[in-house]
Amino acid sequence: MKKFFNYKTLIIAALVMVGLLLFKNFKSDVPEEVKSDSHELIDSTALEPINLKYGFPIDDFEHEEGKVKRNQSLSTILRQYDVSYAAIDKIAKKAKKVFNVRRIKSGREYSVLFSKDSLRTPEYFVYENTPVEYIVFDLRDTLHVYKGEKEIIYKRKQIKGTIESSLWNAMVEANADPVLSIELSEIYAWTIDFFGIGKGDEFNIIYEEAFVDDKPISDIKVLAANFIHHKSDNYAFAFKEGDKDGFFDEEGKSLQKAFLKAPLRYSRISSRFSNRRYHPVLKRYRSHHGVDYAAPTGTPVHTIGDGVIIKKGYQKRGGGRYLKIKHNSVYTTTYMHLSRFAKGMNTGVRVKQGQIIAYVGSSGLSTGPHLDFRVHKNGSPINPLKMKSPPVAPVKKENQAQFEILKNKLMKELNGLDSIPEPLIPDSINNTLTSIK
């Protein structure tokens, strides 16, 4: 009985071995494509990617591009493609809540999408309102109008340069958008007089630039910079605290200073910033690039920030007695219709934020006592009530560890170093950072 059992076991083992050898040979003869799992089969026969433009599979249409010519309207453009006047009228009315068709501007690009058949019927008209935003006019039976936006891609860049003639020219020579020079002048407005920079000064900037359709759209965000003025480093690091973006030096001190909210302690706004305001004396409409504060004659007027008086005078047919103060290379403020100047207020005098510089009056073209207050940024008037107020305090204690990590990383990039020692972070703060992550 024992011998029979051993004999039977040997036969089964032999059969198993033969089976395994046959399976192995069979598997080796199977083509690689069959041996692959279903996921690999799908990848190997992947479909061609769809070419999208304005959200449409553009290859499904005949496509024609153009630019709006001078004095062209939506009607004159669409008539070129045999769109009926009735359809144009209907679609212009439907567009009212989305886009005013009268605001189509010369030089802007547009596209017409036609059916891909012998009739070549225009089905969509797409007007590029801005480099990012476009308006789609659905010319089919639905006659629908809607807005769309192109994808914005941000590219990280770094440039270095030395000024030979001007900062603007140095940016061009570094193959960068000259708009960066304006960004720098605002970042360093309180620390560097950009009218005093000159040959030999250097810059090193890390920034993000926005691209649409692989074209820059002059949308730039500086992440870190070092402006070497008179051989001294001036670092700036972008850092956000709460809902406010600011720039801080390597010690975490703010590069910006705040302005007072208003040049008067007690007053009411009687007239706001406008490009078309009815003048009560001249009896006609004209721009009013300032804010009027109604207040009794003799009310003290305060400068909203540190600066230097650059103009003092009288305009008989304009602002009456006025003072103009230069705060830095970016901002100037003007105070008009004054009754008198404070003692010692003359051209070239330095003033401190909150200092009394004059008193409310009604001099010049005025119907009553008030202060006409104006702000210019880089030479252009801006609405004083909409001035952004950046953080002016140093980095908050609870954010210092995060700032140090960010600063060290950016400092490493700016200086091209292989490594920078990580900051020493107390365990309590380190644990907080870990929990945030």
Protein backbone atom coordinates (compact mmCIF):
# COMPACT_ATOMS: atom_id res chain seq x y z
CA MET A 1 0.00 0.00 0.00
CA LYS A 2 2.86 2.34 0.86
CA LYS A 3 4.65 1.61 -2.41
CA PHE A 4 1.44 2.33 -4.38
CA PHE A 5 1.09 5.70 -2.62
CA ASN A 6 4.66 6.74 -3.46
CA TYR A 7 4.24 5.64 -7.07
CA LYS A 8 1.00 7.64 -7.43
CA THR A 9 2.64 10.75 -5.89
CA LEU A 10 5.52 10.59 -8.32
CA ILE A 11 3.17 10.42 -11.31
CA ILE A 12 1.20 13.53 -10.15
CA ALA A 13 4.42 15.49 -9.54
CA ALA A 14 5.68 14.62 -13.02
CA LEU A 15 2.41 15.75 -14.62
CA VAL A 16 2.56 19.08 -12.77
CA MET A 17 6.14 19.70 -13.95
CA VAL A 18 5.19 18.98 -17.57
CA GLY A 19 2.22 21.34 -17.28
CA LEU A 20 4.37 24.16 -16.00
CA LEU A 21 6.89 23.73 -18.82
CA LEU A 22 4.12 23.78 -21.45
CA PHE A 23 2.57 26.96 -19.92
CA LYS A 24 5.94 28.70 -19.89
CA ASN A 25 6.57 27.91 -23.55
CA PHE A 26 3.05 29.00 -24.46
CA LYS A 27 3.49 32.35 -22.66
CA SER A 28 6.80 33.04 -24.41
CA ASP A 29 5.11 32.58 -27.81
CA VAL A 30 2.38 35.16 -27.02
CA PRO A 31 3.03 38.58 -28.65
CA GLU A 32 4.03 41.38 -26.25
CA GLU A 33 0.89 43.39 -27.15
CA VAL A 34 -1.35 40.54 -25.93
CA LYS A 35 0.63 40.03 -22.73
CA SER A 36 0.15 43.72 -21.76
CA ASP A 37 -2.74 44.58 -19.46
CA SER A 38 -5.75 46.60 -20.66
CA HIS A 39 -4.33 49.91 -19.34
CA GLU A 40 -1.16 49.50 -21.41
CA LEU A 41 -3.23 48.62 -24.48
CA ILE A 42 -5.20 51.86 -24.17
CA ASP A 43 -1.99 53.88 -23.82
CA SER A 44 -0.47 52.28 -26.90
CA THR A 45 -3.47 53.25 -29.00
CA ALA A 46 -4.06 56.71 -27.46
CA LEU A 47 -6.10 59.16 -29.53
CA GLU A 48 -4.57 62.31 -30.94
CA PRO A 49 -5.01 65.29 -28.56
CA ILE A 50 -7.83 67.70 -29.46
CA ASN A 51 -6.63 71.12 -30.63
CA LEU A 52 -8.76 73.59 -28.68
CA LYS A 53 -9.10 77.34 -29.30
CA TYR A 54 -11.68 79.53 -27.56
CA GLY A 55 -13.02 76.26 -26.15
CA PHE A 56 -13.75 74.85 -29.63
CA PRO A 57 -12.12 71.83 -31.34
CA ILE A 58 -10.75 74.21 -33.93
CA ASP A 59 -9.90 71.51 -36.47
CA ASP A 60 -13.63 70.83 -36.85
CA PHE A 61 -14.07 74.27 -38.45
CA GLU A 62 -12.76 76.36 -41.29
CA HIS A 63 -10.95 79.12 -39.46
CA GLU A 64 -10.18 82.70 -40.53
CA GLU A 65 -8.41 85.38 -38.46
CA GLY A 66 -8.35 89.14 -38.84
CA LYS A 67 -7.88 92.50 -37.12
CA VAL A 68 -10.50 95.20 -36.64
CA LYS A 69 -9.74 98.04 -39.03
CA ARG A 70 -10.24 101.72 -38.34
CA ASN A 71 -13.94 102.73 -38.21
CA GLN A 72 -15.06 99.10 -38.52
CA SER A 73 -18.05 97.95 -36.46
CA LEU A 74 -19.50 94.53 -35.69
CA SER A 75 -21.97 95.07 -38.53
CA THR A 76 -19.37 95.92 -41.19
CA ILE A 77 -17.20 92.96 -40.16
CA LEU A 78 -20.01 90.40 -40.17
CA ARG A 79 -21.45 91.66 -43.45
CA GLN A 80 -18.16 90.64 -45.07
CA TYR A 81 -19.15 87.05 -44.26
CA ASP A 82 -22.74 87.39 -45.53
CA VAL A 83 -24.38 87.52 -42.09
CA SER A 84 -27.78 89.16 -42.56
CA TYR A 85 -28.61 92.58 -41.12
CA ALA A 86 -31.50 90.99 -39.19
CA ALA A 87 -29.18 88.47 -37.52
CA ILE A 88 -26.64 91.21 -36.72
CA ASP A 89 -29.35 93.36 -35.13
CA LYS A 90 -30.62 90.45 -33.00
CA ILE A 91 -27.18 89.42 -31.81
CA ALA A 92 -26.22 93.03 -30.98
CA LYS A 93 -29.32 93.28 -28.76
CA LYS A 94 -28.56 89.92 -27.10
CA ALA A 95 -25.00 91.08 -26.42
CA LYS A 96 -26.05 94.11 -24.32
CA LYS A 97 -25.77 92.31 -20.98
CA VAL A 98 -22.43 90.77 -21.93
CA PHE A 99 -20.61 93.28 -24.12
CA ASN A 100 -21.36 96.64 -25.75
CA VAL A 101 -20.69 96.00 -29.45
CA ARG A 102 -20.03 99.73 -29.96
CA ARG A 103 -16.84 99.29 -27.97
CA ILE A 104 -15.15 97.11 -30.57
CA LYS A 105 -11.75 98.75 -31.10
CA SER A 106 -9.48 98.92 -34.11
CA GLY A 107 -6.37 96.78 -33.90
CA ARG A 108 -8.02 94.04 -31.84
CA GLU A 109 -7.93 90.52 -33.25
CA TYR A 110 -10.94 88.40 -34.16
CA SER A 111 -11.67 84.96 -35.58
CA VAL A 112 -14.51 83.56 -37.67
CA LEU A 113 -15.34 79.85 -37.48
CA PHE A 114 -17.10 78.37 -40.54
CA SER A 115 -18.84 75.04 -41.07
CA LYS A 116 -16.56 72.53 -42.74
CA ASP A 117 -18.73 71.87 -45.79
CA SER A 118 -19.39 73.30 -49.24
CA LEU A 119 -21.66 76.05 -47.81
CA ARG A 120 -18.91 77.38 -45.48
CA THR A 121 -21.50 79.01 -43.20
CA PRO A 122 -20.14 81.35 -40.50
CA GLU A 123 -21.09 79.77 -37.16
CA TYR A 124 -19.09 81.75 -34.61
CA PHE A 125 -17.48 85.18 -34.45
CA VAL A 126 -14.90 85.61 -31.66
CA TYR A 127 -13.68 89.08 -30.68
CA GLU A 128 -10.57 89.37 -28.49
CA ASN A 129 -11.51 92.14 -26.07
CA THR A 130 -8.22 91.91 -24.15
CA PRO A 131 -5.21 89.60 -24.40
CA VAL A 132 -7.06 87.33 -21.94
CA GLU A 133 -10.80 87.93 -22.41
CA TYR A 134 -12.72 87.12 -25.58
CA ILE A 135 -16.38 87.46 -26.60
CA VAL A 136 -18.07 84.62 -28.52
CA PHE A 137 -20.97 85.50 -30.83
CA ASP A 138 -22.85 82.30 -31.68
CA LEU A 139 -24.22 83.03 -35.18
CA ARG A 140 -26.28 79.86 -35.47
CA ASP A 141 -30.04 79.79 -34.86
CA THR A 142 -29.52 80.29 -31.11
CA LEU A 143 -27.76 83.68 -31.59
CA HIS A 144 -26.05 83.40 -28.21
CA VAL A 145 -23.31 85.71 -26.77
CA TYR A 146 -20.92 84.87 -23.91
CA LYS A 147 -17.48 85.70 -22.51
CA GLY A 148 -14.50 83.40 -22.21
CA GLU A 149 -10.94 83.63 -20.94
CA LYS A 150 -7.73 82.22 -22.33
CA GLU A 151 -5.41 80.20 -20.15
CA ILE A 152 -2.74 82.30 -18.44
CA ILE A 153 0.62 80.59 -17.95
CA TYR A 154 3.10 82.09 -15.47
CA LYS A 155 6.80 81.62 -16.16
CA ARG A 156 9.43 82.13 -13.48
CA LYS A 157 12.42 84.20 -14.62
CA GLN A 158 15.56 85.81 -13.27
CA ILE A 159 17.48 88.71 -14.79
CA LYS A 160 20.59 90.64 -13.83
CA GLY A 161 21.92 93.87 -15.25
CA THR A 162 24.07 96.96 -14.79
CA ILE A 163 22.85 100.47 -15.58
CA GLU A 164 24.86 102.30 -18.21
CA SER A 165 22.40 105.02 -19.22
CA SER A 166 18.97 104.35 -17.68
CA LEU A 167 17.12 101.59 -15.84
CA TRP A 168 14.63 101.31 -18.73
CA ASN A 169 17.43 100.74 -21.26
CA ALA A 170 19.15 98.29 -18.92
CA MET A 171 15.94 96.23 -18.79
CA VAL A 172 15.75 96.17 -22.59
CA GLU A 173 19.40 95.10 -22.80
CA ALA A 174 18.67 92.28 -20.33
CA ASN A 175 15.84 91.07 -22.65
CA ALA A 176 13.22 91.89 -20.01
CA ASP A 177 9.94 93.78 -20.17
CA PRO A 178 10.78 97.46 -19.35
CA VAL A 179 7.61 97.47 -17.19
CA LEU A 180 9.87 95.86 -14.58
CA SER A 181 11.57 99.24 -14.09
CA ILE A 182 8.22 100.71 -12.97
CA GLU A 183 7.67 97.75 -10.63
CA LEU A 184 11.08 98.33 -9.05
CA SER A 185 10.44 102.07 -8.62
CA GLU A 186 7.28 101.27 -6.64
CA ILE A 187 8.87 98.53 -4.54
CA TYR A 188 11.80 100.77 -3.56
CA ALA A 189 9.81 104.05 -3.57
CA TRP A 190 10.63 104.79 0.09
CA THR A 191 14.23 103.53 0.15
CA ILE A 192 15.78 104.60 -3.18
CA ASP A 193 15.30 107.84 -5.10
CA PHE A 194 14.95 106.50 -8.64
CA PHE A 195 15.68 109.94 -10.05
CA GLY A 196 19.11 109.60 -8.45
CA ILE A 197 20.12 106.18 -9.77
CA GLY A 198 22.87 106.11 -12.35
CA LYS A 199 25.71 104.39 -14.11
CA GLY A 200 27.13 101.44 -12.19
CA ASP A 201 24.01 100.63 -10.20
CA GLU A 202 22.98 96.97 -10.56
CA PHE A 203 19.83 94.90 -10.29
CA ASN A 204 19.06 91.22 -9.76
CA ILE A 205 15.39 90.21 -9.95
CA ILE A 206 13.36 87.00 -9.64
CA TYR A 207 9.85 87.40 -10.99
CA GLU A 208 6.87 85.68 -12.60
CA GLU A 209 5.64 86.84 -16.00
CA ALA A 210 2.20 86.02 -17.44
CA PHE A 211 1.88 84.57 -20.95
CA VAL A 212 -1.19 83.97 -23.12
CA ASP A 213 -0.80 82.01 -26.37
CA ASP A 214 2.93 82.03 -25.60
CA LYS A 215 2.95 85.86 -25.73
CA PRO A 216 3.78 88.10 -22.73
CA ILE A 217 0.91 90.31 -21.58
CA SER A 218 2.89 92.76 -19.37
CA ASP A 219 1.60 91.18 -16.17
CA ILE A 220 4.59 90.85 -13.88
CA LYS A 221 4.94 89.90 -10.22
CA VAL A 222 8.30 90.46 -8.53
CA LEU A 223 9.16 87.72 -6.02
CA ALA A 224 12.57 88.95 -4.87
CA ALA A 225 15.07 91.62 -5.87
CA ASN A 226 18.38 93.18 -4.96
CA PHE A 227 19.04 96.69 -6.21
CA ILE A 228 22.66 97.66 -5.67
CA HIS A 229 22.69 101.47 -5.34
CA HIS A 230 26.01 103.22 -4.62
CA LYS A 231 27.52 99.75 -4.03
CA SER A 232 25.03 98.98 -1.24
CA ASP A 233 22.65 95.99 -1.32
CA ASN A 234 18.93 96.70 -1.10
CA TYR A 235 17.01 93.44 -0.81
CA ALA A 236 13.25 93.10 -1.27
CA PHE A 237 11.21 89.93 -0.68
CA ALA A 238 7.51 89.62 -1.49
CA PHE A 239 5.57 88.20 1.45
CA LYS A 240 1.84 88.01 2.12
CA GLU A 241 0.36 88.52 5.56
CA GLY A 242 -3.37 88.00 5.75
CA ASP A 243 -4.90 89.68 2.72
CA LYS A 244 -2.05 92.19 2.22
CA ASP A 245 0.96 91.76 -0.05
CA GLY A 246 4.09 93.61 0.94
CA PHE A 247 7.84 93.79 0.40
CA PHE A 248 10.30 93.30 3.24
CA ASP A 249 14.07 93.51 3.58
CA GLU A 250 16.32 90.66 4.75
CA GLU A 251 15.55 91.51 8.39
CA GLY A 252 11.79 91.38 7.84
CA LYS A 253 11.29 95.16 7.94
CA SER A 254 8.74 96.66 5.56
CA LEU A 255 10.07 98.65 2.61
CA GLN A 256 6.88 100.72 2.52
CA LYS A 257 5.39 103.52 4.55
CA ALA A 258 1.72 104.31 4.84
CA PHE A 259 -0.04 107.55 3.94
CA LEU A 260 -2.65 109.13 6.15
CA LYS A 261 -6.17 108.29 4.98
CA ALA A 262 -7.06 111.99 4.60
CA PRO A 263 -5.31 115.39 4.89
CA LEU A 264 -7.99 116.74 7.26
CA ARG A 265 -8.98 115.55 10.71
CA TYR A 266 -12.68 116.44 10.46
CA SER A 267 -14.38 116.93 7.12
CA ARG A 268 -16.82 115.50 4.61
CA ILE A 269 -16.26 114.63 0.96
CA SER A 270 -18.18 117.09 -1.24
CA SER A 271 -16.85 115.96 -4.62
CA ARG A 272 -15.07 112.81 -5.74
CA PHE A 273 -12.46 111.87 -8.32
CA SER A 274 -14.01 111.96 -11.81
CA ASN A 275 -13.08 112.20 -15.47
CA ARG A 276 -16.26 114.19 -16.14
CA ARG A 277 -17.61 116.48 -13.45
CA TYR A 278 -19.87 119.54 -13.82
CA HIS A 279 -17.83 122.54 -12.64
CA PRO A 280 -20.02 124.81 -10.48
CA VAL A 281 -18.16 127.99 -11.50
CA LEU A 282 -17.34 127.34 -15.16
CA LYS A 283 -20.79 125.74 -15.75
CA ARG A 284 -19.37 122.99 -17.94
CA TYR A 285 -18.13 119.41 -17.68
CA ARG A 286 -14.44 118.70 -17.24
CA SER A 287 -12.22 116.24 -15.41
CA HIS A 288 -11.72 116.56 -11.67
CA HIS A 289 -8.69 114.48 -10.72
CA GLY A 290 -8.95 115.05 -7.01
CA VAL A 291 -11.18 114.77 -3.95
CA ASP A 292 -12.88 117.83 -2.44
CA TYR A 293 -13.17 117.93 1.35
CA ALA A 294 -15.71 120.47 2.61
CA ALA A 295 -14.57 122.13 5.84
CA PRO A 296 -14.74 125.57 7.48
CA THR A 297 -12.19 128.21 6.55
CA GLY A 298 -9.12 127.89 8.75
CA THR A 299 -9.37 124.11 9.25
CA PRO A 300 -5.77 122.75 9.50
CA VAL A 301 -4.48 120.78 6.49
CA HIS A 302 -1.96 117.98 7.19
CA THR A 303 0.50 116.37 4.78
CA ILE A 304 -0.36 112.69 4.36
CA GLY A 305 3.30 111.61 4.37
CA ASP A 306 6.94 112.66 4.73
CA GLY A 307 8.25 114.68 1.79
CA VAL A 308 9.66 117.88 0.34
CA ILE A 309 7.65 120.93 -0.81
CA ILE A 310 8.43 121.34 -4.51
CA LYS A 311 5.86 124.03 -5.40
CA LYS A 312 4.13 126.87 -3.57
CA GLY A 313 2.03 129.44 -5.35
CA TYR A 314 -1.28 130.94 -6.39
CA GLN A 315 -3.49 130.12 -9.38
CA LYS A 316 -6.04 132.89 -9.89
CA ARG A 317 -8.14 130.92 -12.41
CA GLY A 318 -7.50 127.54 -10.85
CA GLY A 319 -6.54 126.11 -7.49
CA GLY A 320 -5.85 129.39 -5.71
CA ARG A 321 -3.22 129.05 -3.00
CA TYR A 322 -1.65 125.62 -3.28
CA LEU A 323 1.24 123.43 -2.12
CA LYS A 324 2.77 120.48 -3.94
CA ILE A 325 4.77 117.87 -2.02
CA LYS A 326 7.06 115.18 -3.43
CA HIS A 327 7.02 112.14 -1.13
CA ASN A 328 9.35 109.89 -3.12
CA SER A 329 10.17 109.00 -6.71
CA VAL A 330 6.61 107.69 -7.23
CA TYR A 331 4.11 109.83 -5.30
CA THR A 332 3.36 113.57 -5.14
CA THR A 333 0.38 115.28 -3.49
CA THR A 334 -1.22 118.68 -4.10
CA TYR A 335 -3.32 120.77 -1.67
CA MET A 336 -5.45 123.53 -3.26
CA HIS A 337 -7.86 126.43 -2.48
CA LEU A 338 -5.96 127.20 0.73
CA SER A 339 -6.69 130.33 2.79
CA ARG A 340 -3.10 130.61 4.01
CA PHE A 341 0.10 128.60 4.44
CA ALA A 342 1.49 127.39 7.76
CA LYS A 343 4.56 129.18 9.07
CA GLY A 344 7.80 128.18 7.37
CA MET A 345 6.17 126.37 4.42
CA ASN A 346 8.42 127.22 1.47
CA THR A 347 9.85 125.41 -1.55
CA GLY A 348 12.57 122.97 -0.52
CA VAL A 349 11.33 122.56 3.07
CA ARG A 350 11.04 119.00 4.38
CA VAL A 351 7.78 118.08 6.09
CA LYS A 352 6.76 115.15 8.29
CA GLN A 353 3.64 113.01 8.03
CA GLY A 354 0.73 114.66 9.84
CA GLN A 355 2.43 118.07 10.02
CA ILE A 356 0.17 121.12 9.50
CA ILE A 357 1.16 122.71 6.19
CA ALA A 358 -1.77 125.07 5.49
CA TYR A 359 -5.40 125.94 6.22
CA VAL A 360 -8.66 125.39 4.32
CA GLY A 361 -9.96 128.32 2.28
CA SER A 362 -11.82 129.26 -0.88
CA SER A 363 -9.14 130.87 -3.04
CA GLY A 364 -9.10 130.52 -6.84
CA LEU A 365 -12.10 129.07 -8.68
CA SER A 366 -14.23 128.01 -5.72
CA THR A 367 -17.83 128.37 -4.57
CA GLY A 368 -17.07 127.82 -0.88
CA PRO A 369 -14.41 126.75 1.63
CA HIS A 370 -12.98 123.33 0.88
CA LEU A 371 -9.72 121.48 0.18
CA ASP A 372 -9.07 120.08 -3.29
CA PHE A 373 -6.67 117.20 -2.62
CA ARG A 374 -4.83 115.42 -5.46
CA VAL A 375 -2.40 112.49 -5.72
CA HIS A 376 -0.11 111.70 -8.65
CA LYS A 377 1.60 108.33 -9.08
CA ASN A 378 4.49 108.29 -11.56
CA GLY A 379 3.17 111.58 -12.96
CA SER A 380 -0.41 110.38 -13.54
CA PRO A 381 -3.42 111.34 -11.39
CA ILE A 382 -4.96 108.57 -9.30
CA ASN A 383 -8.02 108.42 -7.07
CA PRO A 384 -6.83 109.20 -3.51
CA LEU A 385 -9.72 107.18 -2.07
CA LYS A 386 -8.55 104.03 -3.88
CA MET A 387 -4.88 104.13 -2.94
CA LYS A 388 -3.65 100.73 -1.78
CA SER A 389 -2.30 100.61 1.74
CA PRO A 390 0.56 98.07 2.00
CA PRO A 391 1.67 96.63 5.34
CA VAL A 392 4.14 98.99 7.02
CA ALA A 393 4.96 97.05 10.18
CA PRO A 394 7.68 94.37 10.15
CA VAL A 395 6.77 90.73 9.59
CA LYS A 396 4.55 89.58 12.43
CA LYS A 397 6.16 87.40 15.08
CA GLU A 398 3.93 84.44 14.25
CA ASN A 399 4.97 84.64 10.56
CA GLN A 400 8.71 85.16 11.07
CA ALA A 401 9.63 81.48 10.66
CA GLN A 402 7.75 81.22 7.36
CA PHE A 403 9.32 84.45 6.16
CA GLU A 404 12.83 83.21 7.04
CA ILE A 405 12.33 79.99 5.07
CA LEU A 406 11.03 81.88 2.03
CA LYS A 407 13.72 84.57 2.27
CA ASN A 408 16.56 82.05 2.50
CA LYS A 409 15.28 80.13 -0.51
CA LEU A 410 15.00 83.30 -2.61
CA MET A 411 18.34 84.64 -1.34
CA LYS A 412 19.92 81.40 -2.53
CA GLU A 413 18.40 81.90 -6.00
CA LEU A 414 19.42 85.57 -6.18
CA ASN A 415 23.03 84.90 -5.25
CA GLY A 416 23.35 81.61 -7.13
CA LEU A 417 24.59 79.77 -4.05
CA ASP A 418 24.50 76.00 -3.71
CA SER A 419 23.17 76.16 -0.20
CA ILE A 420 22.16 78.55 2.52
CA PRO A 421 21.91 77.42 6.15
CA GLU A 422 18.32 76.89 7.20
CA PRO A 423 17.22 79.33 9.93
CA LEU A 424 17.09 78.11 13.50
CA ILE A 425 13.42 77.70 14.31
CA PRO A 426 12.20 77.21 17.88
CA ASP A 427 10.40 73.88 18.40
CA SER A 428 7.13 75.62 19.24
CA ILE A 429 7.11 77.51 15.93
CA ASN A 430 8.37 74.50 13.99
CA ASN A 431 5.50 72.39 15.33
CA THR A 432 3.03 75.09 14.30
CA LEU A 433 4.45 75.13 10.76
CA THR A 434 4.24 71.34 10.56
CA SER A 435 0.59 71.38 11.61
CA ILE A 436 -0.18 74.05 9.00
CA LYS A 437 1.35 71.90 6.25
